[in-house]
Amino acid sequence: MKPLFYIVAAVMIAVALAVLLLPLLRHGRQAGRPRGLFVLMLCMALAVPIGAALLYWKIGTPVALNGVPSQAQTITDVNKALDELRAHLAAQPNDVQGWLLLAQADMEMQQPDQARDAYERVLKLKPDNTTAMVGWAQAESTASPDHHISDRGRAMLERAVKLEPDNQRGLWLLGISDFQQGRFADAASTWRTLQPMLQPGSNVAQAVAQQIAMADARAGAPAASSSVAAPASSETALHVEVSLAPALKAKLTTSDTLFVYARAENGPPMPLAIARLDASQLPATVTLTDAMSMLPSMKLSSVPRVVIGARISHSGNATAQAGDLEGDGGTVEVDSKAPVKVVIDKVHD
């Protein structure tokens, strides 16, 4: 059965590559770009899936764990291909398709900062490129400690969706931005626009349906206040009491926003639960629950311990910026019933 599996996989890869790369090849020839660039694209596209297949074939049984030389070689080949692509772009900095390819490769290699910079180059060359707009917003939020979509990222998403109403990734991210800003009804509406474009019953469609249900639930709940009511005792919940140190009260302005959050002790910096309030409501008591998660797969109840923190943002952005006021509540068990006290007593550098 294994040979048949590999043959089918190879055919699927070949078909996918033909669909994705041949239009680029035709476009590149018309634009007078060198054939070598598209050979490089092909090598990059093949390196990871073929390397993964070889790796799987090698370590399919524990006996085969005695050295897997192909994995390191694959990584070396991909890095070499990326270096060659960067050299090509240094020589031809106006190659939009080359910058898009580099940005997408950087995202796959988990280098969102570099991907954002590559998308920035595309936008300077073609300001209305919707792929670059959506990619920039995603790369910037991925690079951000709390994965919050910035004001500029949101503006790009709105423009991309206006230019291309069926841009699925743009709609998805725009809904996430709505949700992050506490605009739950808008988030549900945006995702409902996306829903008919998805394959019914697919994992993506199910995830979107879950997010819509969560947004609807939040939209129907009372607005956040200085005392947020606790949920049923059976639900994971952390009660956080936030206060501002007297020495910092002079730095508080009427437009400041308070963020109270919990993130995994060991894991990504993205909050597992986050509440947004008007900073003028301090001191405040907030109850963090699973309903305050930013993604269905990353909830408060998914980890045993979390780090509690609070931040007063002058810009309204959850991403820490110089001059923001911060407080640390330490690490606690998620099933703790005792209130977690956070004193905002530091200024972010």
C-alpha atoms as a PDB file:
ATOM      1  CA  MET A   1       0.000   0.000   0.000  1.00  0.00           C
ATOM      2  CA  LYS A   2       2.901   2.391   0.695  1.00  0.00           C
ATOM      3  CA  PRO A   3       4.107   2.619  -2.934  1.00  0.00           C
ATOM      4  CA  LEU A   4       0.561   3.448  -4.060  1.00  0.00           C
ATOM      5  CA  PHE A   5       0.313   6.111  -1.372  1.00  0.00           C
ATOM      6  CA  TYR A   6       3.530   7.788  -2.496  1.00  0.00           C
ATOM      7  CA  ILE A   7       2.465   7.672  -6.164  1.00  0.00           C
ATOM      8  CA  VAL A   8      -0.890   9.296  -5.358  1.00  0.00           C
ATOM      9  CA  ALA A   9       0.821  11.908  -3.164  1.00  0.00           C
ATOM     10  CA  ALA A  10       3.308  12.701  -5.922  1.00  0.00           C
ATOM     11  CA  VAL A  11       0.531  13.141  -8.465  1.00  0.00           C
ATOM     12  CA  MET A  12      -1.403  15.429  -6.102  1.00  0.00           C
ATOM     13  CA  ILE A  13       1.686  17.569  -5.518  1.00  0.00           C
ATOM     14  CA  ALA A  14       2.372  17.764  -9.246  1.00  0.00           C
ATOM     15  CA  VAL A  15      -1.198  18.849 -10.012  1.00  0.00           C
ATOM     16  CA  ALA A  16      -1.175  21.451  -7.236  1.00  0.00           C
ATOM     17  CA  LEU A  17       2.123  22.855  -8.428  1.00  0.00           C
ATOM     18  CA  ALA A  18       0.878  23.020 -12.008  1.00  0.00           C
ATOM     19  CA  VAL A  19      -2.209  24.958 -10.962  1.00  0.00           C
ATOM     20  CA  LEU A  20      -0.226  27.379  -8.791  1.00  0.00           C
ATOM     21  CA  LEU A  21       2.999  27.879 -10.688  1.00  0.00           C
ATOM     22  CA  LEU A  22       2.175  27.630 -14.391  1.00  0.00           C
ATOM     23  CA  PRO A  23       0.176  30.909 -14.453  1.00  0.00           C
ATOM     24  CA  LEU A  24       3.097  32.594 -12.710  1.00  0.00           C
ATOM     25  CA  LEU A  25       5.504  31.094 -15.237  1.00  0.00           C
ATOM     26  CA  ARG A  26       3.433  32.399 -18.163  1.00  0.00           C
ATOM     27  CA  HIS A  27       3.163  35.810 -16.559  1.00  0.00           C
ATOM     28  CA  GLY A  28       6.881  35.870 -15.849  1.00  0.00           C
ATOM     29  CA  ARG A  29       7.792  35.032 -19.430  1.00  0.00           C
ATOM     30  CA  GLN A  30       5.559  37.843 -20.688  1.00  0.00           C
ATOM     31  CA  ALA A  31       7.247  40.221 -18.250  1.00  0.00           C
ATOM     32  CA  GLY A  32      10.704  39.091 -19.362  1.00  0.00           C
ATOM     33  CA  ARG A  33      11.739  37.575 -16.030  1.00  0.00           C
ATOM     34  CA  PRO A  34      14.506  34.931 -16.037  1.00  0.00           C
ATOM     35  CA  ARG A  35      13.526  31.269 -16.154  1.00  0.00           C
ATOM     36  CA  GLY A  36      15.877  30.667 -13.192  1.00  0.00           C
ATOM     37  CA  LEU A  37      13.496  32.465 -10.826  1.00  0.00           C
ATOM     38  CA  PHE A  38      10.695  30.038 -11.596  1.00  0.00           C
ATOM     39  CA  VAL A  39      13.015  27.057 -11.278  1.00  0.00           C
ATOM     40  CA  LEU A  40      13.828  28.440  -7.843  1.00  0.00           C
ATOM     41  CA  MET A  41      10.110  28.707  -7.048  1.00  0.00           C
ATOM     42  CA  LEU A  42       9.617  25.097  -8.075  1.00  0.00           C
ATOM     43  CA  CYS A  43      12.499  23.942  -5.884  1.00  0.00           C
ATOM     44  CA  MET A  44      11.092  25.812  -2.887  1.00  0.00           C
ATOM     45  CA  ALA A  45       7.615  24.415  -3.451  1.00  0.00           C
ATOM     46  CA  LEU A  46       8.936  20.867  -3.724  1.00  0.00           C
ATOM     47  CA  ALA A  47      11.476  20.961  -0.914  1.00  0.00           C
ATOM     48  CA  VAL A  48       9.171  20.968   2.095  1.00  0.00           C
ATOM     49  CA  PRO A  49       6.486  18.420   1.023  1.00  0.00           C
ATOM     50  CA  ILE A  50       9.010  16.026  -0.476  1.00  0.00           C
ATOM     51  CA  GLY A  51      11.264  16.394   2.548  1.00  0.00           C
ATOM     52  CA  ALA A  52       8.303  15.702   4.823  1.00  0.00           C
ATOM     53  CA  ALA A  53       7.354  12.633   2.806  1.00  0.00           C
ATOM     54  CA  LEU A  54      10.902  11.305   2.947  1.00  0.00           C
ATOM     55  CA  LEU A  55      11.054  12.013   6.656  1.00  0.00           C
ATOM     56  CA  TYR A  56       7.761  10.206   7.263  1.00  0.00           C
ATOM     57  CA  TRP A  57       8.967   7.273   5.184  1.00  0.00           C
ATOM     58  CA  LYS A  58      12.191   7.137   7.204  1.00  0.00           C
ATOM     59  CA  ILE A  59      10.631   7.318  10.669  1.00  0.00           C
ATOM     60  CA  GLY A  60       7.481   5.343   9.989  1.00  0.00           C
ATOM     61  CA  THR A  61       8.737   2.767  12.500  1.00  0.00           C
ATOM     62  CA  PRO A  62      10.859   3.323  15.635  1.00  0.00           C
ATOM     63  CA  VAL A  63      13.622   1.183  14.141  1.00  0.00           C
ATOM     64  CA  ALA A  64      14.202   3.829  11.483  1.00  0.00           C
ATOM     65  CA  LEU A  65      15.111   6.517  14.014  1.00  0.00           C
ATOM     66  CA  ASN A  66      18.804   5.754  13.562  1.00  0.00           C
ATOM     67  CA  GLY A  67      19.568   9.001  11.760  1.00  0.00           C
ATOM     68  CA  VAL A  68      17.454  10.963   9.288  1.00  0.00           C
ATOM     69  CA  PRO A  69      19.882  12.820   7.043  1.00  0.00           C
ATOM     70  CA  SER A  70      17.250  14.072   4.579  1.00  0.00           C
ATOM     71  CA  GLN A  71      15.619  16.508   7.029  1.00  0.00           C
ATOM     72  CA  ALA A  72      18.748  18.612   7.572  1.00  0.00           C
ATOM     73  CA  GLN A  73      19.468  18.528   3.844  1.00  0.00           C
ATOM     74  CA  THR A  74      15.946  19.715   3.071  1.00  0.00           C
ATOM     75  CA  ILE A  75      16.298  22.665   5.465  1.00  0.00           C
ATOM     76  CA  THR A  76      19.648  23.521   3.880  1.00  0.00           C
ATOM     77  CA  ASP A  77      18.125  23.406   0.395  1.00  0.00           C
ATOM     78  CA  VAL A  78      15.219  25.658   1.411  1.00  0.00           C
ATOM     79  CA  ASN A  79      17.553  28.189   3.043  1.00  0.00           C
ATOM     80  CA  LYS A  80      19.743  28.150  -0.055  1.00  0.00           C
ATOM     81  CA  ALA A  81      16.705  28.734  -2.259  1.00  0.00           C
ATOM     82  CA  LEU A  82      15.617  31.652  -0.073  1.00  0.00           C
ATOM     83  CA  ASP A  83      19.105  33.169  -0.248  1.00  0.00           C
ATOM     84  CA  GLU A  84      19.006  32.897  -4.034  1.00  0.00           C
ATOM     85  CA  LEU A  85      15.584  34.517  -4.122  1.00  0.00           C
ATOM     86  CA  ARG A  86      16.804  37.394  -1.961  1.00  0.00           C
ATOM     87  CA  ALA A  87      19.794  37.824  -4.259  1.00  0.00           C
ATOM     88  CA  HIS A  88      17.437  37.935  -7.235  1.00  0.00           C
ATOM     89  CA  LEU A  89      15.304  40.595  -5.524  1.00  0.00           C
ATOM     90  CA  ALA A  90      18.382  42.639  -4.661  1.00  0.00           C
ATOM     91  CA  ALA A  91      19.161  42.708  -8.374  1.00  0.00           C
ATOM     92  CA  GLN A  92      15.516  43.201  -9.448  1.00  0.00           C
ATOM     93  CA  PRO A  93      13.792  45.034  -6.561  1.00  0.00           C
ATOM     94  CA  ASN A  94      10.656  45.766  -8.613  1.00  0.00           C
ATOM     95  CA  ASP A  95       9.690  42.089  -9.001  1.00  0.00           C
ATOM     96  CA  VAL A  96       6.287  41.983  -7.296  1.00  0.00           C
ATOM     97  CA  GLN A  97       5.827  38.228  -7.717  1.00  0.00           C
ATOM     98  CA  GLY A  98       9.273  37.619  -6.258  1.00  0.00           C
ATOM     99  CA  TRP A  99       8.485  39.674  -3.142  1.00  0.00           C
ATOM    100  CA  LEU A 100       5.160  37.859  -2.723  1.00  0.00           C
ATOM    101  CA  LEU A 101       6.922  34.523  -2.970  1.00  0.00           C
ATOM    102  CA  LEU A 102       9.507  35.593  -0.392  1.00  0.00           C
ATOM    103  CA  ALA A 103       6.800  36.850   1.990  1.00  0.00           C
ATOM    104  CA  GLN A 104       4.864  33.594   1.765  1.00  0.00           C
ATOM    105  CA  ALA A 105       8.044  31.553   2.251  1.00  0.00           C
ATOM    106  CA  ASP A 106       9.004  33.637   5.295  1.00  0.00           C
ATOM    107  CA  MET A 107       5.586  32.977   6.827  1.00  0.00           C
ATOM    108  CA  GLU A 108       5.998  29.235   6.243  1.00  0.00           C
ATOM    109  CA  MET A 109       9.427  29.445   7.885  1.00  0.00           C
ATOM    110  CA  GLN A 110       7.823  31.211  10.892  1.00  0.00           C
ATOM    111  CA  GLN A 111       9.558  34.523  10.241  1.00  0.00           C
ATOM    112  CA  PRO A 112       6.592  36.940  10.308  1.00  0.00           C
ATOM    113  CA  ASP A 113       8.719  40.072  10.754  1.00  0.00           C
ATOM    114  CA  GLN A 114      10.555  39.354   7.510  1.00  0.00           C
ATOM    115  CA  ALA A 115       7.294  38.404   5.789  1.00  0.00           C
ATOM    116  CA  ARG A 116       5.753  41.735   6.811  1.00  0.00           C
ATOM    117  CA  ASP A 117       8.736  43.598   5.366  1.00  0.00           C
ATOM    118  CA  ALA A 118       8.434  41.676   2.082  1.00  0.00           C
ATOM    119  CA  TYR A 119       4.716  42.469   1.856  1.00  0.00           C
ATOM    120  CA  GLU A 120       5.603  46.105   2.548  1.00  0.00           C
ATOM    121  CA  ARG A 121       7.814  46.080  -0.540  1.00  0.00           C
ATOM    122  CA  VAL A 122       4.917  44.770  -2.610  1.00  0.00           C
ATOM    123  CA  LEU A 123       2.608  47.500  -1.331  1.00  0.00           C
ATOM    124  CA  LYS A 124       5.115  50.183  -2.274  1.00  0.00           C
ATOM    125  CA  LEU A 125       5.139  48.780  -5.813  1.00  0.00           C
ATOM    126  CA  LYS A 126       1.400  47.970  -6.009  1.00  0.00           C
ATOM    127  CA  PRO A 127      -0.630  49.699  -3.266  1.00  0.00           C
ATOM    128  CA  ASP A 128      -3.855  47.913  -4.298  1.00  0.00           C
ATOM    129  CA  ASN A 129      -2.451  44.372  -4.174  1.00  0.00           C
ATOM    130  CA  THR A 130      -5.008  42.591  -1.978  1.00  0.00           C
ATOM    131  CA  THR A 131      -2.750  39.585  -1.342  1.00  0.00           C
ATOM    132  CA  ALA A 132      -0.109  41.892   0.119  1.00  0.00           C
ATOM    133  CA  MET A 133      -2.660  43.823   2.196  1.00  0.00           C
ATOM    134  CA  VAL A 134      -4.078  40.705   3.810  1.00  0.00           C
ATOM    135  CA  GLY A 135      -0.639  39.111   4.129  1.00  0.00           C
ATOM    136  CA  TRP A 136       0.790  42.226   5.805  1.00  0.00           C
ATOM    137  CA  ALA A 137      -2.031  42.295   8.376  1.00  0.00           C
ATOM    138  CA  GLN A 138      -1.595  38.598   9.145  1.00  0.00           C
ATOM    139  CA  ALA A 139       2.209  38.796   9.353  1.00  0.00           C
ATOM    140  CA  GLU A 140       2.129  41.832  11.625  1.00  0.00           C
ATOM    141  CA  SER A 141      -0.416  40.278  14.002  1.00  0.00           C
ATOM    142  CA  THR A 142       1.560  37.016  14.055  1.00  0.00           C
ATOM    143  CA  ALA A 143       4.716  38.925  14.997  1.00  0.00           C
ATOM    144  CA  SER A 144       2.876  40.862  17.712  1.00  0.00           C
ATOM    145  CA  PRO A 145       3.173  39.431  21.263  1.00  0.00           C
ATOM    146  CA  ASP A 146      -0.617  39.278  21.682  1.00  0.00           C
ATOM    147  CA  HIS A 147      -1.440  38.686  17.983  1.00  0.00           C
ATOM    148  CA  HIS A 148      -3.635  41.789  17.977  1.00  0.00           C
ATOM    149  CA  ILE A 149      -4.462  43.231  14.558  1.00  0.00           C
ATOM    150  CA  SER A 150      -3.278  46.851  14.531  1.00  0.00           C
ATOM    151  CA  ASP A 151      -5.198  49.858  13.243  1.00  0.00           C
ATOM    152  CA  ARG A 152      -3.111  49.867  10.067  1.00  0.00           C
ATOM    153  CA  GLY A 153      -3.644  46.135   9.598  1.00  0.00           C
ATOM    154  CA  ARG A 154      -7.390  46.571   9.989  1.00  0.00           C
ATOM    155  CA  ALA A 155      -7.436  49.431   7.477  1.00  0.00           C
ATOM    156  CA  MET A 156      -5.646  47.174   4.984  1.00  0.00           C
ATOM    157  CA  LEU A 157      -8.134  44.364   5.563  1.00  0.00           C
ATOM    158  CA  GLU A 158     -11.084  46.697   5.066  1.00  0.00           C
ATOM    159  CA  ARG A 159      -9.603  47.982   1.812  1.00  0.00           C
ATOM    160  CA  ALA A 160      -8.759  44.477   0.594  1.00  0.00           C
ATOM    161  CA  VAL A 161     -12.311  43.256   1.222  1.00  0.00           C
ATOM    162  CA  LYS A 162     -13.727  46.352  -0.474  1.00  0.00           C
ATOM    163  CA  LEU A 163     -11.614  45.702  -3.570  1.00  0.00           C
ATOM    164  CA  GLU A 164     -12.174  41.937  -3.433  1.00  0.00           C
ATOM    165  CA  PRO A 165     -15.421  41.107  -1.582  1.00  0.00           C
ATOM    166  CA  ASP A 166     -14.837  37.346  -1.828  1.00  0.00           C
ATOM    167  CA  ASN A 167     -11.380  37.453  -0.224  1.00  0.00           C
ATOM    168  CA  GLN A 168     -11.856  34.671   2.303  1.00  0.00           C
ATOM    169  CA  ARG A 169      -8.703  35.220   4.321  1.00  0.00           C
ATOM    170  CA  GLY A 170      -9.401  38.957   4.447  1.00  0.00           C
ATOM    171  CA  LEU A 171     -12.935  38.383   5.768  1.00  0.00           C
ATOM    172  CA  TRP A 172     -11.699  35.889   8.354  1.00  0.00           C
ATOM    173  CA  LEU A 173      -9.049  38.276   9.689  1.00  0.00           C
ATOM    174  CA  LEU A 174     -11.414  41.242   9.594  1.00  0.00           C
ATOM    175  CA  GLY A 175     -13.825  39.262  11.772  1.00  0.00           C
ATOM    176  CA  ILE A 176     -11.007  38.484  14.187  1.00  0.00           C
ATOM    177  CA  SER A 177     -10.203  42.192  14.354  1.00  0.00           C
ATOM    178  CA  ASP A 178     -13.863  42.958  15.155  1.00  0.00           C
ATOM    179  CA  PHE A 179     -13.820  40.299  17.874  1.00  0.00           C
ATOM    180  CA  GLN A 180     -10.581  41.599  19.376  1.00  0.00           C
ATOM    181  CA  GLN A 181     -12.066  45.095  19.580  1.00  0.00           C
ATOM    182  CA  GLY A 182     -15.173  43.832  21.349  1.00  0.00           C
ATOM    183  CA  ARG A 183     -17.405  44.449  18.311  1.00  0.00           C
ATOM    184  CA  PHE A 184     -18.973  41.021  18.551  1.00  0.00           C
ATOM    185  CA  ALA A 185     -22.058  41.683  16.419  1.00  0.00           C
ATOM    186  CA  ASP A 186     -19.822  43.032  13.641  1.00  0.00           C
ATOM    187  CA  ALA A 187     -17.568  39.973  13.928  1.00  0.00           C
ATOM    188  CA  ALA A 188     -20.531  37.618  13.567  1.00  0.00           C
ATOM    189  CA  SER A 189     -21.810  39.595  10.574  1.00  0.00           C
ATOM    190  CA  THR A 190     -18.409  39.534   8.865  1.00  0.00           C
ATOM    191  CA  TRP A 191     -18.038  35.783   9.368  1.00  0.00           C
ATOM    192  CA  ARG A 192     -21.581  35.186   8.101  1.00  0.00           C
ATOM    193  CA  THR A 193     -20.520  36.903   4.872  1.00  0.00           C
ATOM    194  CA  LEU A 194     -17.624  34.448   4.689  1.00  0.00           C
ATOM    195  CA  GLN A 195     -19.680  31.353   5.522  1.00  0.00           C
ATOM    196  CA  PRO A 196     -21.367  30.718   2.107  1.00  0.00           C
ATOM    197  CA  MET A 197     -17.945  30.762   0.416  1.00  0.00           C
ATOM    198  CA  LEU A 198     -16.717  27.759   2.412  1.00  0.00           C
ATOM    199  CA  GLN A 199     -17.075  24.060   1.685  1.00  0.00           C
ATOM    200  CA  PRO A 200     -20.002  22.843   3.836  1.00  0.00           C
ATOM    201  CA  GLY A 201     -18.870  20.498   6.585  1.00  0.00           C
ATOM    202  CA  SER A 202     -15.161  21.309   6.162  1.00  0.00           C
ATOM    203  CA  ASN A 203     -12.925  22.005   9.157  1.00  0.00           C
ATOM    204  CA  VAL A 204     -12.730  25.652   8.142  1.00  0.00           C
ATOM    205  CA  ALA A 205     -16.514  25.949   7.905  1.00  0.00           C
ATOM    206  CA  GLN A 206     -16.888  24.347  11.334  1.00  0.00           C
ATOM    207  CA  ALA A 207     -14.328  26.713  12.866  1.00  0.00           C
ATOM    208  CA  VAL A 208     -16.113  29.732  11.398  1.00  0.00           C
ATOM    209  CA  ALA A 209     -19.461  28.442  12.705  1.00  0.00           C
ATOM    210  CA  GLN A 210     -17.949  28.110  16.189  1.00  0.00           C
ATOM    211  CA  GLN A 211     -16.614  31.650  16.047  1.00  0.00           C
ATOM    212  CA  ILE A 212     -19.998  32.985  14.916  1.00  0.00           C
ATOM    213  CA  ALA A 213     -21.697  31.225  17.836  1.00  0.00           C
ATOM    214  CA  MET A 214     -19.134  32.669  20.245  1.00  0.00           C
ATOM    215  CA  ALA A 215     -19.512  36.172  18.812  1.00  0.00           C
ATOM    216  CA  ASP A 216     -23.307  35.933  18.974  1.00  0.00           C
ATOM    217  CA  ALA A 217     -23.097  34.846  22.604  1.00  0.00           C
ATOM    218  CA  ARG A 218     -20.807  37.736  23.457  1.00  0.00           C
ATOM    219  CA  ALA A 219     -22.945  40.234  21.525  1.00  0.00           C
ATOM    220  CA  GLY A 220     -25.986  39.222  23.578  1.00  0.00           C
ATOM    221  CA  ALA A 221     -24.129  39.530  26.881  1.00  0.00           C
ATOM    222  CA  PRO A 222     -24.110  42.756  28.959  1.00  0.00           C
ATOM    223  CA  ALA A 223     -21.290  45.160  28.133  1.00  0.00           C
ATOM    224  CA  ALA A 224     -18.147  44.927  30.251  1.00  0.00           C
ATOM    225  CA  SER A 225     -18.176  47.072  33.387  1.00  0.00           C
ATOM    226  CA  SER A 226     -15.994  47.648  36.396  1.00  0.00           C
ATOM    227  CA  SER A 227     -17.494  44.568  37.990  1.00  0.00           C
ATOM    228  CA  VAL A 228     -17.992  41.688  35.581  1.00  0.00           C
ATOM    229  CA  ALA A 229     -20.324  39.021  36.933  1.00  0.00           C
ATOM    230  CA  ALA A 230     -18.931  35.554  37.553  1.00  0.00           C
ATOM    231  CA  PRO A 231     -20.180  32.624  35.453  1.00  0.00           C
ATOM    232  CA  ALA A 232     -21.515  29.319  36.696  1.00  0.00           C
ATOM    233  CA  SER A 233     -19.174  27.592  39.171  1.00  0.00           C
ATOM    234  CA  SER A 234     -18.574  24.674  36.798  1.00  0.00           C
ATOM    235  CA  GLU A 235     -16.956  26.945  34.175  1.00  0.00           C
ATOM    236  CA  THR A 236     -13.263  27.751  34.231  1.00  0.00           C
ATOM    237  CA  ALA A 237     -12.967  31.292  35.566  1.00  0.00           C
ATOM    238  CA  LEU A 238     -10.313  33.494  37.121  1.00  0.00           C
ATOM    239  CA  HIS A 239     -11.313  36.520  39.178  1.00  0.00           C
ATOM    240  CA  VAL A 240      -8.886  39.389  38.774  1.00  0.00           C
ATOM    241  CA  GLU A 241      -8.847  42.533  40.918  1.00  0.00           C
ATOM    242  CA  VAL A 242      -7.003  45.355  39.159  1.00  0.00           C
ATOM    243  CA  SER A 243      -5.870  48.618  40.721  1.00  0.00           C
ATOM    244  CA  LEU A 244      -3.582  51.463  39.705  1.00  0.00           C
ATOM    245  CA  ALA A 245      -0.620  52.504  41.847  1.00  0.00           C
ATOM    246  CA  PRO A 246      -1.134  56.036  43.241  1.00  0.00           C
ATOM    247  CA  ALA A 247       2.205  57.151  41.785  1.00  0.00           C
ATOM    248  CA  LEU A 248       0.911  56.519  38.235  1.00  0.00           C
ATOM    249  CA  LYS A 249      -2.550  58.088  38.504  1.00  0.00           C
ATOM    250  CA  ALA A 250      -1.268  61.333  36.982  1.00  0.00           C
ATOM    251  CA  LYS A 251      -0.363  59.410  33.811  1.00  0.00           C
ATOM    252  CA  LEU A 252      -3.962  58.210  33.285  1.00  0.00           C
ATOM    253  CA  THR A 253      -6.012  59.988  30.589  1.00  0.00           C
ATOM    254  CA  THR A 254      -9.741  59.889  29.868  1.00  0.00           C
ATOM    255  CA  SER A 255      -9.270  57.966  26.590  1.00  0.00           C
ATOM    256  CA  ASP A 256      -7.101  55.180  27.998  1.00  0.00           C
ATOM    257  CA  THR A 257      -8.105  51.530  27.599  1.00  0.00           C
ATOM    258  CA  LEU A 258      -7.592  48.793  30.177  1.00  0.00           C
ATOM    259  CA  PHE A 259      -6.736  45.268  29.048  1.00  0.00           C
ATOM    260  CA  VAL A 260      -6.800  42.380  31.530  1.00  0.00           C
ATOM    261  CA  TYR A 261      -5.482  39.096  30.196  1.00  0.00           C
ATOM    262  CA  ALA A 262      -4.278  35.573  30.896  1.00  0.00           C
ATOM    263  CA  ARG A 263      -1.671  33.782  28.783  1.00  0.00           C
ATOM    264  CA  ALA A 264      -0.208  30.294  29.000  1.00  0.00           C
ATOM    265  CA  GLU A 265       2.705  29.844  31.390  1.00  0.00           C
ATOM    266  CA  ASN A 266       4.545  27.836  28.740  1.00  0.00           C
ATOM    267  CA  GLY A 267       3.347  28.554  25.238  1.00  0.00           C
ATOM    268  CA  PRO A 268       2.661  31.311  22.719  1.00  0.00           C
ATOM    269  CA  PRO A 269       2.276  34.879  24.021  1.00  0.00           C
ATOM    270  CA  MET A 270      -1.230  35.196  22.549  1.00  0.00           C
ATOM    271  CA  PRO A 271      -3.764  35.674  25.382  1.00  0.00           C
ATOM    272  CA  LEU A 272      -6.033  32.758  26.216  1.00  0.00           C
ATOM    273  CA  ALA A 273      -8.556  35.204  27.632  1.00  0.00           C
ATOM    274  CA  ILE A 274      -8.659  38.992  27.434  1.00  0.00           C
ATOM    275  CA  ALA A 275     -11.081  41.656  28.652  1.00  0.00           C
ATOM    276  CA  ARG A 276     -11.197  45.261  27.430  1.00  0.00           C
ATOM    277  CA  LEU A 277     -12.549  48.020  29.659  1.00  0.00           C
ATOM    278  CA  ASP A 278     -12.476  51.775  30.003  1.00  0.00           C
ATOM    279  CA  ALA A 279      -9.478  52.590  32.215  1.00  0.00           C
ATOM    280  CA  SER A 280     -11.553  55.185  34.062  1.00  0.00           C
ATOM    281  CA  GLN A 281     -13.382  52.247  35.710  1.00  0.00           C
ATOM    282  CA  LEU A 282     -10.348  51.404  37.851  1.00  0.00           C
ATOM    283  CA  PRO A 283     -10.226  49.827  40.330  1.00  0.00           C
ATOM    284  CA  ALA A 284     -11.992  46.986  38.538  1.00  0.00           C
ATOM    285  CA  THR A 285     -12.894  43.363  39.126  1.00  0.00           C
ATOM    286  CA  VAL A 286     -12.882  41.174  35.999  1.00  0.00           C
ATOM    287  CA  THR A 287     -13.704  37.501  35.542  1.00  0.00           C
ATOM    288  CA  LEU A 288     -11.716  35.849  32.765  1.00  0.00           C
ATOM    289  CA  THR A 289     -13.398  32.833  31.139  1.00  0.00           C
ATOM    290  CA  ASP A 290     -13.219  30.627  28.053  1.00  0.00           C
ATOM    291  CA  ALA A 291     -15.748  32.914  26.358  1.00  0.00           C
ATOM    292  CA  MET A 292     -13.055  35.597  26.255  1.00  0.00           C
ATOM    293  CA  SER A 293     -10.674  33.554  24.111  1.00  0.00           C
ATOM    294  CA  MET A 294      -9.496  34.961  20.788  1.00  0.00           C
ATOM    295  CA  LEU A 295      -9.512  31.567  19.057  1.00  0.00           C
ATOM    296  CA  PRO A 296     -11.598  28.443  19.810  1.00  0.00           C
ATOM    297  CA  SER A 297      -8.496  26.232  20.038  1.00  0.00           C
ATOM    298  CA  MET A 298      -6.778  28.461  22.620  1.00  0.00           C
ATOM    299  CA  LYS A 299      -8.897  28.716  25.737  1.00  0.00           C
ATOM    300  CA  LEU A 300      -8.264  29.312  29.409  1.00  0.00           C
ATOM    301  CA  SER A 301      -9.254  25.726  30.258  1.00  0.00           C
ATOM    302  CA  SER A 302      -6.757  24.267  27.760  1.00  0.00           C
ATOM    303  CA  VAL A 303      -3.755  24.776  30.081  1.00  0.00           C
ATOM    304  CA  PRO A 304      -3.109  24.089  33.793  1.00  0.00           C
ATOM    305  CA  ARG A 305      -1.407  27.401  34.678  1.00  0.00           C
ATOM    306  CA  VAL A 306      -1.532  30.938  33.290  1.00  0.00           C
ATOM    307  CA  VAL A 307       0.217  34.260  33.739  1.00  0.00           C
ATOM    308  CA  ILE A 308      -2.119  37.124  34.672  1.00  0.00           C
ATOM    309  CA  GLY A 309      -1.430  40.691  33.619  1.00  0.00           C
ATOM    310  CA  ALA A 310      -3.045  44.061  33.021  1.00  0.00           C
ATOM    311  CA  ARG A 311      -2.133  46.952  30.754  1.00  0.00           C
ATOM    312  CA  ILE A 312      -3.394  50.494  30.337  1.00  0.00           C
ATOM    313  CA  SER A 313      -3.014  51.461  26.688  1.00  0.00           C
ATOM    314  CA  HIS A 314      -2.927  55.096  25.625  1.00  0.00           C
ATOM    315  CA  SER A 315      -3.521  54.128  21.969  1.00  0.00           C
ATOM    316  CA  GLY A 316      -6.301  51.576  22.519  1.00  0.00           C
ATOM    317  CA  ASN A 317      -4.095  48.856  21.037  1.00  0.00           C
ATOM    318  CA  ALA A 318      -3.535  45.703  23.106  1.00  0.00           C
ATOM    319  CA  THR A 319       0.045  45.457  21.848  1.00  0.00           C
ATOM    320  CA  ALA A 320       2.425  46.948  24.407  1.00  0.00           C
ATOM    321  CA  GLN A 321       3.827  50.334  23.416  1.00  0.00           C
ATOM    322  CA  ALA A 322       6.255  52.709  25.066  1.00  0.00           C
ATOM    323  CA  GLY A 323       4.508  54.695  27.789  1.00  0.00           C
ATOM    324  CA  ASP A 324       1.784  52.112  28.481  1.00  0.00           C
ATOM    325  CA  LEU A 325       1.168  51.270  32.143  1.00  0.00           C
ATOM    326  CA  GLU A 326       1.497  47.621  33.208  1.00  0.00           C
ATOM    327  CA  GLY A 327       0.982  45.293  36.130  1.00  0.00           C
ATOM    328  CA  ASP A 328       1.810  41.623  36.748  1.00  0.00           C
ATOM    329  CA  GLY A 329      -0.386  39.239  38.710  1.00  0.00           C
ATOM    330  CA  GLY A 330       2.037  36.321  38.554  1.00  0.00           C
ATOM    331  CA  THR A 331       1.381  32.702  37.594  1.00  0.00           C
ATOM    332  CA  VAL A 332      -1.714  30.926  38.945  1.00  0.00           C
ATOM    333  CA  GLU A 333      -3.590  27.651  38.521  1.00  0.00           C
ATOM    334  CA  VAL A 334      -6.552  28.003  36.168  1.00  0.00           C
ATOM    335  CA  ASP A 335      -8.835  26.323  38.711  1.00  0.00           C
ATOM    336  CA  SER A 336      -7.867  28.785  41.442  1.00  0.00           C
ATOM    337  CA  LYS A 337     -10.853  30.333  43.202  1.00  0.00           C
ATOM    338  CA  ALA A 338      -8.951  33.019  45.078  1.00  0.00           C
ATOM    339  CA  PRO A 339      -8.978  36.487  43.473  1.00  0.00           C
ATOM    340  CA  VAL A 340      -5.785  37.427  41.646  1.00  0.00           C
ATOM    341  CA  LYS A 341      -4.618  40.914  42.589  1.00  0.00           C
ATOM    342  CA  VAL A 342      -2.860  43.009  39.941  1.00  0.00           C
ATOM    343  CA  VAL A 343      -1.400  46.413  40.729  1.00  0.00           C
ATOM    344  CA  ILE A 344      -0.494  48.441  37.654  1.00  0.00           C
ATOM    345  CA  ASP A 345       2.772  49.981  38.852  1.00  0.00           C
ATOM    346  CA  LYS A 346       5.182  50.020  35.877  1.00  0.00           C
ATOM    347  CA  VAL A 347       5.656  52.070  32.732  1.00  0.00           C
ATOM    348  CA  HIS A 348       6.468  50.087  29.582  1.00  0.00           C
ATOM    349  CA  ASP A 349       9.806  51.121  28.044  1.00  0.00           C
END
